[in-house]
Amino acid sequence: MIQFILIVNKQGRVRIRRNYHHVEKNEQEQRDSAVINKCLTRTNKQCNYFSHEAVTIVYKRFTNLCLICGVTNENELAIQELLNVFMDCLGSYFQNVSELDIVYNMERVYMILDEIIVNGSIAFTSKERALIPLQLLDAGS
């Protein structure tokens, strides 16, 4: 099950955070800080997943952003592919997504994320399916 997803920039600032189970605020901040620090300081020669407390952390770097996912009892390679699908969706919608696209269109990023992941479980991995609600929203505007 997916526990949380973070999108952070190279400086470690959280741009998107979605938790799929309740965690106390101070505990969440400590966890996020430790996980972000580990992900950003790892070299390219190290693998993209590691254990942190009782959670497996899977991360993927995309230009100046880092997607971080905390999972339990999930296939790490499947989660990496899920992160790729999510970034493909963002890239398709925003035409080469940047940090500013995420900051200024946060609600749309959350809509895409919520189409792909529902209550910590993977719902859809189709880029076309994940973008349908946004296409309908844009068509109505």
Protein backbone atom coordinates (compact mmCIF):
# COMPACT_ATOMS: atom_id res chain seq x y z
CA MET A 1 0.00 0.00 0.00
CA ILE A 2 1.18 3.49 -0.75
CA GLN A 3 1.67 5.48 2.45
CA PHE A 4 2.61 8.88 1.03
CA ILE A 5 3.84 10.76 -2.03
CA LEU A 6 6.01 13.86 -2.05
CA ILE A 7 7.22 16.09 -4.85
CA VAL A 8 10.20 18.16 -3.77
CA ASN A 9 12.63 20.46 -5.54
CA LYS A 10 16.42 20.17 -5.40
CA GLN A 11 16.52 22.44 -2.35
CA GLY A 12 14.23 20.06 -0.47
CA ARG A 13 11.10 22.25 -0.48
CA VAL A 14 7.93 20.19 -0.57
CA ARG A 15 5.72 21.17 -3.50
CA ILE A 16 3.13 18.37 -3.29
CA ARG A 17 2.34 16.13 -0.32
CA ARG A 18 -0.33 13.46 -0.18
CA ASN A 19 -0.65 11.11 2.81
CA TYR A 20 -2.81 8.03 2.54
CA HIS A 21 -3.00 7.32 6.26
CA HIS A 22 -3.07 9.55 9.32
CA VAL A 23 0.26 10.67 10.77
CA GLU A 24 0.74 13.28 13.49
CA LYS A 25 1.98 16.62 12.14
CA ASN A 26 5.34 16.66 13.98
CA GLU A 27 5.97 12.98 13.16
CA GLN A 28 5.16 13.66 9.50
CA GLU A 29 7.55 16.62 9.37
CA GLN A 30 10.37 14.58 10.92
CA ARG A 31 9.74 11.67 8.54
CA ASP A 32 9.53 13.92 5.49
CA SER A 33 12.67 15.82 6.43
CA ALA A 34 14.69 12.63 6.94
CA VAL A 35 13.40 10.99 3.76
CA ILE A 36 13.93 14.09 1.61
CA ASN A 37 17.47 14.50 2.94
CA LYS A 38 18.29 10.86 2.18
CA CYS A 39 16.84 11.01 -1.33
CA LEU A 40 18.58 14.24 -2.29
CA THR A 41 21.99 13.18 -0.97
CA ARG A 42 22.08 9.75 -2.64
CA THR A 43 24.30 9.42 -5.68
CA ASN A 44 23.20 8.28 -9.13
CA LYS A 45 25.08 5.01 -8.59
CA GLN A 46 22.82 4.05 -5.69
CA CYS A 47 19.49 2.34 -6.35
CA ASN A 48 16.28 4.34 -6.23
CA TYR A 49 14.74 2.63 -3.21
CA PHE A 50 15.71 2.05 0.40
CA SER A 51 14.14 1.23 3.76
CA HIS A 52 13.25 3.94 6.23
CA GLU A 53 11.74 2.77 9.50
CA ALA A 54 8.91 0.38 8.47
CA VAL A 55 8.43 1.90 5.01
CA THR A 56 10.20 1.32 1.71
CA ILE A 57 11.05 4.61 0.02
CA VAL A 58 11.00 4.67 -3.78
CA TYR A 59 12.13 7.86 -5.48
CA LYS A 60 12.79 9.15 -8.95
CA ARG A 61 14.54 12.33 -10.03
CA PHE A 62 13.19 14.35 -12.94
CA THR A 63 15.28 17.41 -13.90
CA ASN A 64 14.88 19.73 -10.88
CA LEU A 65 12.14 17.71 -9.14
CA CYS A 66 12.23 14.56 -7.07
CA LEU A 67 9.19 12.30 -6.64
CA ILE A 68 9.26 10.31 -3.41
CA CYS A 69 6.86 7.53 -2.54
CA GLY A 70 6.64 5.61 0.74
CA VAL A 71 5.18 2.11 0.39
CA THR A 72 4.61 -1.08 2.34
CA ASN A 73 4.15 -4.48 0.69
CA GLU A 74 4.50 -3.16 -2.87
CA ASN A 75 6.81 -3.99 -5.74
CA GLU A 76 9.45 -1.24 -5.90
CA LEU A 77 9.81 -1.46 -9.68
CA ALA A 78 6.05 -1.14 -10.14
CA ILE A 79 6.09 1.99 -7.97
CA GLN A 80 8.95 3.43 -10.03
CA GLU A 81 6.86 2.85 -13.14
CA LEU A 82 3.91 4.52 -11.40
CA LEU A 83 6.08 7.59 -10.76
CA ASN A 84 7.01 7.58 -14.47
CA VAL A 85 3.32 7.43 -15.46
CA PHE A 86 2.53 10.31 -13.10
CA MET A 87 5.31 12.46 -14.58
CA ASP A 88 4.23 11.51 -18.11
CA CYS A 89 0.73 12.73 -17.27
CA LEU A 90 2.09 15.99 -15.89
CA GLY A 91 4.37 16.37 -18.91
CA SER A 92 1.49 15.80 -21.33
CA TYR A 93 -0.81 18.22 -19.57
CA PHE A 94 1.71 21.01 -18.96
CA GLN A 95 3.96 20.44 -22.01
CA ASN A 96 7.31 19.82 -20.27
CA VAL A 97 6.31 20.23 -16.65
CA SER A 98 8.38 22.53 -14.44
CA GLU A 99 8.36 23.37 -10.76
CA LEU A 100 6.39 26.54 -11.50
CA ASP A 101 3.66 24.54 -13.25
CA ILE A 102 3.27 22.48 -10.09
CA VAL A 103 3.30 25.49 -7.77
CA TYR A 104 0.73 27.50 -9.76
CA ASN A 105 -1.52 24.58 -10.74
CA MET A 106 -1.46 22.55 -7.56
CA GLU A 107 -5.15 21.58 -7.72
CA ARG A 108 -4.66 20.11 -11.20
CA VAL A 109 -1.62 18.14 -10.07
CA TYR A 110 -3.67 16.73 -7.18
CA MET A 111 -6.48 15.84 -9.61
CA ILE A 112 -4.08 13.81 -11.75
CA LEU A 113 -2.57 12.16 -8.68
CA ASP A 114 -6.01 11.31 -7.30
CA GLU A 115 -7.01 9.68 -10.59
CA ILE A 116 -3.95 7.42 -10.46
CA ILE A 117 -3.92 6.62 -6.73
CA VAL A 118 -7.05 6.16 -4.63
CA ASN A 119 -6.74 5.63 -0.86
CA GLY A 120 -3.18 4.39 -1.21
CA SER A 121 -3.94 1.86 -3.94
CA ILE A 122 -3.11 2.17 -7.62
CA ALA A 123 -6.35 2.79 -9.52
CA PHE A 124 -5.27 3.57 -13.09
CA THR A 125 -1.95 3.59 -14.90
CA SER A 126 -3.26 4.91 -18.20
CA LYS A 127 -2.12 8.42 -19.04
CA GLU A 128 -5.19 9.02 -21.19
CA ARG A 129 -7.55 7.87 -18.40
CA ALA A 130 -5.83 10.02 -15.76
CA LEU A 131 -6.17 13.17 -17.87
CA ILE A 132 -9.90 12.81 -18.70
CA PRO A 133 -11.18 14.87 -15.71
CA LEU A 134 -8.84 17.74 -16.56
CA GLN A 135 -9.83 17.65 -20.21
CA LEU A 136 -13.49 17.84 -19.19
CA LEU A 137 -12.74 20.67 -16.79
CA ASP A 138 -10.82 22.60 -19.44
CA ALA A 139 -13.55 22.01 -22.04
CA GLY A 140 -16.15 23.50 -19.69
CA SER A 141 -14.12 26.65 -19.05
